[in-house]
C-alpha atoms as a PDB file:
ATOM      1  CA  PRO A   1      35.559  94.687 149.026  1.00  0.00           C
ATOM      2  CA  GLY A   2      32.341  95.975 147.204  1.00  0.00           C
ATOM      3  CA  ILE A   3      34.302  99.281 146.063  1.00  0.00           C
ATOM      4  CA  ASP A   4      34.769  99.963 142.487  1.00  0.00           C
ATOM      5  CA  TYR A   5      38.580 100.703 142.246  1.00  0.00           C
ATOM      6  CA  ASP A   6      37.842 102.965 139.211  1.00  0.00           C
ATOM      7  CA  SER A   7      36.267 105.415 141.860  1.00  0.00           C
ATOM      8  CA  CYS A   8      39.963 106.110 143.410  1.00  0.00           C
ATOM      9  CA  GLY A   9      41.773 108.976 142.148  1.00  0.00           C
ATOM     10  CA  ILE A  10      44.846 106.585 142.002  1.00  0.00           C
ATOM     11  CA  TYR A  11      44.768 102.829 142.668  1.00  0.00           C
ATOM     12  CA  VAL A  12      48.010 100.808 142.733  1.00  0.00           C
ATOM     13  CA  TYR A  13      48.749  97.054 143.117  1.00  0.00           C
ATOM     14  CA  ALA A  14      52.544  97.094 142.477  1.00  0.00           C
ATOM     15  CA  ASP A  15      56.049  97.685 143.649  1.00  0.00           C
ATOM     16  CA  LYS A  16      58.227 100.721 143.361  1.00  0.00           C
ATOM     17  CA  VAL A  17      55.593 103.262 143.324  1.00  0.00           C
ATOM     18  CA  VAL A  18      56.222 107.173 143.305  1.00  0.00           C
ATOM     19  CA  ILE A  19      53.449 109.647 143.491  1.00  0.00           C
ATOM     20  CA  TYR A  20      54.429 113.262 143.917  1.00  0.00           C
ATOM     21  CA  ASN A  21      53.392 116.871 143.000  1.00  0.00           C
ATOM     22  CA  THR A  22      49.505 115.806 142.249  1.00  0.00           C
ATOM     23  CA  ILE A  23      46.311 116.970 143.402  1.00  0.00           C
ATOM     24  CA  ILE A  24      44.132 114.054 144.458  1.00  0.00           C
ATOM     25  CA  SER A  25      40.440 115.373 145.001  1.00  0.00           C
ATOM     26  CA  SER A  26      36.713 114.679 144.654  1.00  0.00           C
ATOM     27  CA  ASN A  27      36.960 110.711 144.404  1.00  0.00           C
ATOM     28  CA  TYR A  28      35.707 107.768 146.678  1.00  0.00           C
ATOM     29  CA  ASN A  29      39.171 107.262 148.060  1.00  0.00           C
ATOM     30  CA  GLY A  30      41.954 109.625 146.849  1.00  0.00           C
ATOM     31  CA  ILE A  31      45.100 106.996 146.767  1.00  0.00           C
ATOM     32  CA  ASN A  32      44.676 103.279 147.328  1.00  0.00           C
ATOM     33  CA  ILE A  33      48.166 101.239 147.399  1.00  0.00           C
ATOM     34  CA  GLU A  34      47.951  97.500 148.273  1.00  0.00           C
ATOM     35  CA  TYR A  35      50.360  94.944 148.384  1.00  0.00           C
ATOM     36  CA  SER A  36      53.583  96.655 147.627  1.00  0.00           C
ATOM     37  CA  PHE A  37      56.506  95.379 149.218  1.00  0.00           C
ATOM     38  CA  GLY A  38      59.375  97.759 148.531  1.00  0.00           C
ATOM     39  CA  SER A  39      60.104 101.261 147.375  1.00  0.00           C
ATOM     40  CA  VAL A  40      56.708 103.386 147.763  1.00  0.00           C
ATOM     41  CA  SER A  41      57.347 106.935 147.874  1.00  0.00           C
ATOM     42  CA  ILE A  42      54.179 109.456 148.294  1.00  0.00           C
ATOM     43  CA  TYR A  43      55.142 113.387 148.554  1.00  0.00           C
ATOM     44  CA  ASN A  44      54.431 116.735 147.976  1.00  0.00           C
ATOM     45  CA  ASN A  45      50.826 115.985 147.024  1.00  0.00           C
ATOM     46  CA  GLN A  46      47.402 117.661 147.841  1.00  0.00           C
ATOM     47  CA  ILE A  47      44.755 115.005 148.994  1.00  0.00           C
ATOM     48  CA  CYS A  48      41.545 116.403 149.710  1.00  0.00           C
ATOM     49  CA  ASN A  49      37.805 116.254 149.486  1.00  0.00           C
ATOM     50  CA  ASN A  50      37.566 112.471 148.845  1.00  0.00           C
ATOM     51  CA  GLU A  51      34.150 110.977 150.068  1.00  0.00           C
ATOM     52  CA  ASN A  52      36.033 108.312 152.086  1.00  0.00           C
ATOM     53  CA  ASP A  53      39.606 108.209 152.717  1.00  0.00           C
ATOM     54  CA  GLY A  54      42.298 110.352 151.460  1.00  0.00           C
ATOM     55  CA  LEU A  55      45.159 107.597 151.410  1.00  0.00           C
ATOM     56  CA  ILE A  56      44.907 104.002 152.108  1.00  0.00           C
ATOM     57  CA  ILE A  57      48.114 101.820 152.421  1.00  0.00           C
ATOM     58  CA  THR A  58      47.205  98.092 152.668  1.00  0.00           C
ATOM     59  CA  HIS A  59      49.703  95.130 153.217  1.00  0.00           C
ATOM     60  CA  CYS A  60      52.658  97.264 152.070  1.00  0.00           C
ATOM     61  CA  HIS A  61      55.925  97.121 153.449  1.00  0.00           C
ATOM     62  CA  ASN A  62      58.899  99.793 153.315  1.00  0.00           C
ATOM     63  CA  PHE A  63      56.983 102.959 152.357  1.00  0.00           C
ATOM     64  CA  PHE A  64      57.446 106.516 152.570  1.00  0.00           C
ATOM     65  CA  ILE A  65      54.690 109.434 152.950  1.00  0.00           C
ATOM     66  CA  TYR A  66      56.076 112.853 153.453  1.00  0.00           C
ATOM     67  CA  ASN A  67      55.258 116.486 152.708  1.00  0.00           C
ATOM     68  CA  ASN A  68      51.697 115.927 151.790  1.00  0.00           C
ATOM     69  CA  GLU A  69      48.598 117.993 152.769  1.00  0.00           C
ATOM     70  CA  ILE A  70      45.914 115.637 153.529  1.00  0.00           C
ATOM     71  CA  PHE A  71      42.557 117.360 154.439  1.00  0.00           C
ATOM     72  CA  GLU A  72      38.646 117.480 154.390  1.00  0.00           C
ATOM     73  CA  ASN A  73      38.152 113.925 153.541  1.00  0.00           C
ATOM     74  CA  GLY A  74      34.973 112.544 154.153  1.00  0.00           C
ATOM     75  CA  GLU A  75      36.396 109.622 156.785  1.00  0.00           C
ATOM     76  CA  ASN A  76      40.229 109.326 157.594  1.00  0.00           C
ATOM     77  CA  GLY A  77      43.175 111.411 156.365  1.00  0.00           C
ATOM     78  CA  CYS A  78      45.230 108.511 155.986  1.00  0.00           C
ATOM     79  CA  ASN A  79      44.619 104.719 156.807  1.00  0.00           C
ATOM     80  CA  VAL A  80      47.587 102.097 157.407  1.00  0.00           C
ATOM     81  CA  PHE A  81      46.356  98.671 157.429  1.00  0.00           C
ATOM     82  CA  TYR A  82      48.490  95.668 157.916  1.00  0.00           C
ATOM     83  CA  SER A  83      51.700  97.653 156.741  1.00  0.00           C
ATOM     84  CA  VAL A  84      55.212  97.620 158.155  1.00  0.00           C
ATOM     85  CA  GLN A  85      58.198  99.717 158.443  1.00  0.00           C
ATOM     86  CA  GLY A  86      56.643 102.810 157.142  1.00  0.00           C
ATOM     87  CA  ILE A  87      57.790 106.609 157.542  1.00  0.00           C
ATOM     88  CA  ILE A  88      55.254 109.194 157.785  1.00  0.00           C
ATOM     89  CA  HIS A  89      56.800 112.641 158.338  1.00  0.00           C
ATOM     90  CA  ASN A  90      56.218 116.232 157.743  1.00  0.00           C
ATOM     91  CA  ASN A  91      52.480 115.826 156.667  1.00  0.00           C
ATOM     92  CA  ILE A  92      49.729 118.197 157.402  1.00  0.00           C
ATOM     93  CA  LEU A  93      46.548 116.013 158.321  1.00  0.00           C
ATOM     94  CA  ILE A  94      43.670 118.331 159.114  1.00  0.00           C
ATOM     95  CA  PHE A  95      39.824 118.603 159.100  1.00  0.00           C
ATOM     96  CA  ASN A  96      39.079 115.049 158.118  1.00  0.00           C
ATOM     97  CA  ASP A  97      35.756 113.455 159.403  1.00  0.00           C
ATOM     98  CA  ILE A  98      37.101 110.678 161.604  1.00  0.00           C
ATOM     99  CA  SER A  99      40.925 110.598 161.939  1.00  0.00           C
ATOM    100  CA  GLY A 100      44.072 112.327 160.639  1.00  0.00           C
ATOM    101  CA  ILE A 101      45.797 108.781 160.506  1.00  0.00           C
ATOM    102  CA  THR A 102      44.374 105.359 161.757  1.00  0.00           C
ATOM    103  CA  PHE A 103      46.966 102.311 162.043  1.00  0.00           C
ATOM    104  CA  TRP A 104      45.016  98.998 161.761  1.00  0.00           C
ATOM    105  CA  GLY A 105      47.024  95.886 162.478  1.00  0.00           C
ATOM    106  CA  SER A 106      50.405  97.725 161.605  1.00  0.00           C
ATOM    107  CA  SER A 107      53.699  97.415 163.074  1.00  0.00           C
ATOM    108  CA  ASP A 108      57.175  99.091 163.046  1.00  0.00           C
ATOM    109  CA  ASN A 109      56.264 102.484 161.687  1.00  0.00           C
ATOM    110  CA  ASP A 110      57.380 105.860 162.427  1.00  0.00           C
ATOM    111  CA  PHE A 111      54.883 108.739 162.580  1.00  0.00           C
ATOM    112  CA  TYR A 112      56.803 112.146 163.268  1.00  0.00           C
ATOM    113  CA  ASP A 113      56.764 115.568 162.753  1.00  0.00           C
ATOM    114  CA  ASN A 114      53.205 115.933 161.438  1.00  0.00           C
ATOM    115  CA  TYR A 115      50.826 118.612 162.032  1.00  0.00           C
ATOM    116  CA  LEU A 116      47.154 117.182 163.026  1.00  0.00           C
ATOM    117  CA  ASP A 117      44.397 119.843 163.644  1.00  0.00           C
ATOM    118  CA  GLY A 118      40.622 119.635 163.585  1.00  0.00           C
ATOM    119  CA  ASN A 119      40.068 115.789 162.775  1.00  0.00           C
ATOM    120  CA  ARG A 120      36.771 115.395 164.053  1.00  0.00           C
ATOM    121  CA  GLU A 121      37.287 112.150 166.341  1.00  0.00           C
ATOM    122  CA  PHE A 122      40.988 111.210 166.594  1.00  0.00           C
ATOM    123  CA  GLY A 123      44.163 112.589 165.598  1.00  0.00           C
ATOM    124  CA  VAL A 124      45.962 109.396 165.670  1.00  0.00           C
ATOM    125  CA  TYR A 125      44.024 106.150 165.990  1.00  0.00           C
ATOM    126  CA  MET A 126      45.719 102.828 166.578  1.00  0.00           C
ATOM    127  CA  ASN A 127      43.984  99.303 166.590  1.00  0.00           C
ATOM    128  CA  TYR A 128      45.737  96.137 167.100  1.00  0.00           C
ATOM    129  CA  SER A 129      49.064  97.725 166.032  1.00  0.00           C
ATOM    130  CA  GLN A 130      52.144  97.165 167.730  1.00  0.00           C
ATOM    131  CA  LYS A 131      55.843  98.711 168.003  1.00  0.00           C
ATOM    132  CA  ASN A 132      54.892 101.987 166.249  1.00  0.00           C
ATOM    133  CA  GLN A 133      56.648 105.118 167.155  1.00  0.00           C
ATOM    134  CA  VAL A 134      54.834 108.621 167.295  1.00  0.00           C
ATOM    135  CA  PHE A 135      56.853 111.572 168.232  1.00  0.00           C
ATOM    136  CA  LYS A 136      57.242 115.213 167.650  1.00  0.00           C
ATOM    137  CA  ASN A 137      53.875 115.682 166.185  1.00  0.00           C
ATOM    138  CA  THR A 138      51.432 118.664 167.030  1.00  0.00           C
ATOM    139  CA  ILE A 139      47.888 117.185 167.740  1.00  0.00           C
ATOM    140  CA  LYS A 140      45.280 119.660 168.478  1.00  0.00           C
ATOM    141  CA  GLU A 141      41.647 120.388 168.399  1.00  0.00           C
ATOM    142  CA  CYS A 142      40.512 116.624 168.055  1.00  0.00           C
ATOM    143  CA  THR A 143      38.007 114.878 170.312  1.00  0.00           C
ATOM    144  CA  GLN A 144      40.726 112.431 171.216  1.00  0.00           C
ATOM    145  CA  GLY A 145      44.479 113.242 170.600  1.00  0.00           C
ATOM    146  CA  VAL A 146      45.839 109.566 170.344  1.00  0.00           C
ATOM    147  CA  TYR A 147      43.577 106.642 170.853  1.00  0.00           C
ATOM    148  CA  LEU A 148      45.170 103.140 171.337  1.00  0.00           C
ATOM    149  CA  TYR A 149      42.752  99.918 171.321  1.00  0.00           C
ATOM    150  CA  ASP A 150      44.264  96.606 171.790  1.00  0.00           C
ATOM    151  CA  SER A 151      47.736  98.202 170.735  1.00  0.00           C
ATOM    152  CA  GLY A 152      50.977  97.533 172.673  1.00  0.00           C
ATOM    153  CA  ARG A 153      54.513  98.166 172.728  1.00  0.00           C
ATOM    154  CA  ASN A 154      54.121 101.541 170.886  1.00  0.00           C
ATOM    155  CA  ILE A 155      56.046 104.438 171.905  1.00  0.00           C
ATOM    156  CA  ILE A 156      54.535 107.794 172.022  1.00  0.00           C
ATOM    157  CA  TYR A 157      56.789 110.595 172.934  1.00  0.00           C
ATOM    158  CA  ASN A 158      57.634 114.608 172.598  1.00  0.00           C
ATOM    159  CA  ASN A 159      54.334 115.399 170.992  1.00  0.00           C
ATOM    160  CA  ASN A 160      52.553 118.481 171.687  1.00  0.00           C
ATOM    161  CA  PHE A 161      48.779 118.103 172.387  1.00  0.00           C
ATOM    162  CA  LEU A 162      46.732 121.225 172.204  1.00  0.00           C
ATOM    163  CA  GLY A 163      42.989 121.633 172.755  1.00  0.00           C
ATOM    164  CA  ASN A 164      41.729 118.308 172.338  1.00  0.00           C
ATOM    165  CA  SER A 165      38.341 118.094 173.751  1.00  0.00           C
ATOM    166  CA  LYS A 166      37.958 114.872 175.451  1.00  0.00           C
ATOM    167  CA  ASN A 167      41.657 113.395 176.065  1.00  0.00           C
ATOM    168  CA  HIS A 168      44.952 114.204 174.751  1.00  0.00           C
ATOM    169  CA  ALA A 169      45.847 110.406 174.889  1.00  0.00           C
ATOM    170  CA  PHE A 170      43.497 107.417 175.878  1.00  0.00           C
END
């Protein structure tokens, strides 16, 4: 609301989306995908230097985000809002101003084998999110490694927490 969608590098409101081998840079938001209920794949992209968020997934089901470099965005590297059954795997999420990744009202997602470094506030931030798995990630040099707020039944295991200044998990 209030955002001119033309200011997104890529804005999609559709099913069966594939975005790969692309550089998305210097927009308000890098990629914004909404209401996609099947077969979204975002891979091998460089998503960087966007004023707000690098990647936004909203009200999506069955999505795959892998092998991307998401860095130096003005707020969050990746935002997952009210989305389910996603796989976010083998991404580099570094030096974003707020979080590497935020889950908001999202459930049944797998977040694994990702590298998060130098995100100013949070490596992983979960708000009102349930039954997500966060495993085999490296989360380092953030203020908080993993931060859970009003979120339950999430499974967090086999992560490497290194040099987070306030808490590794809270």
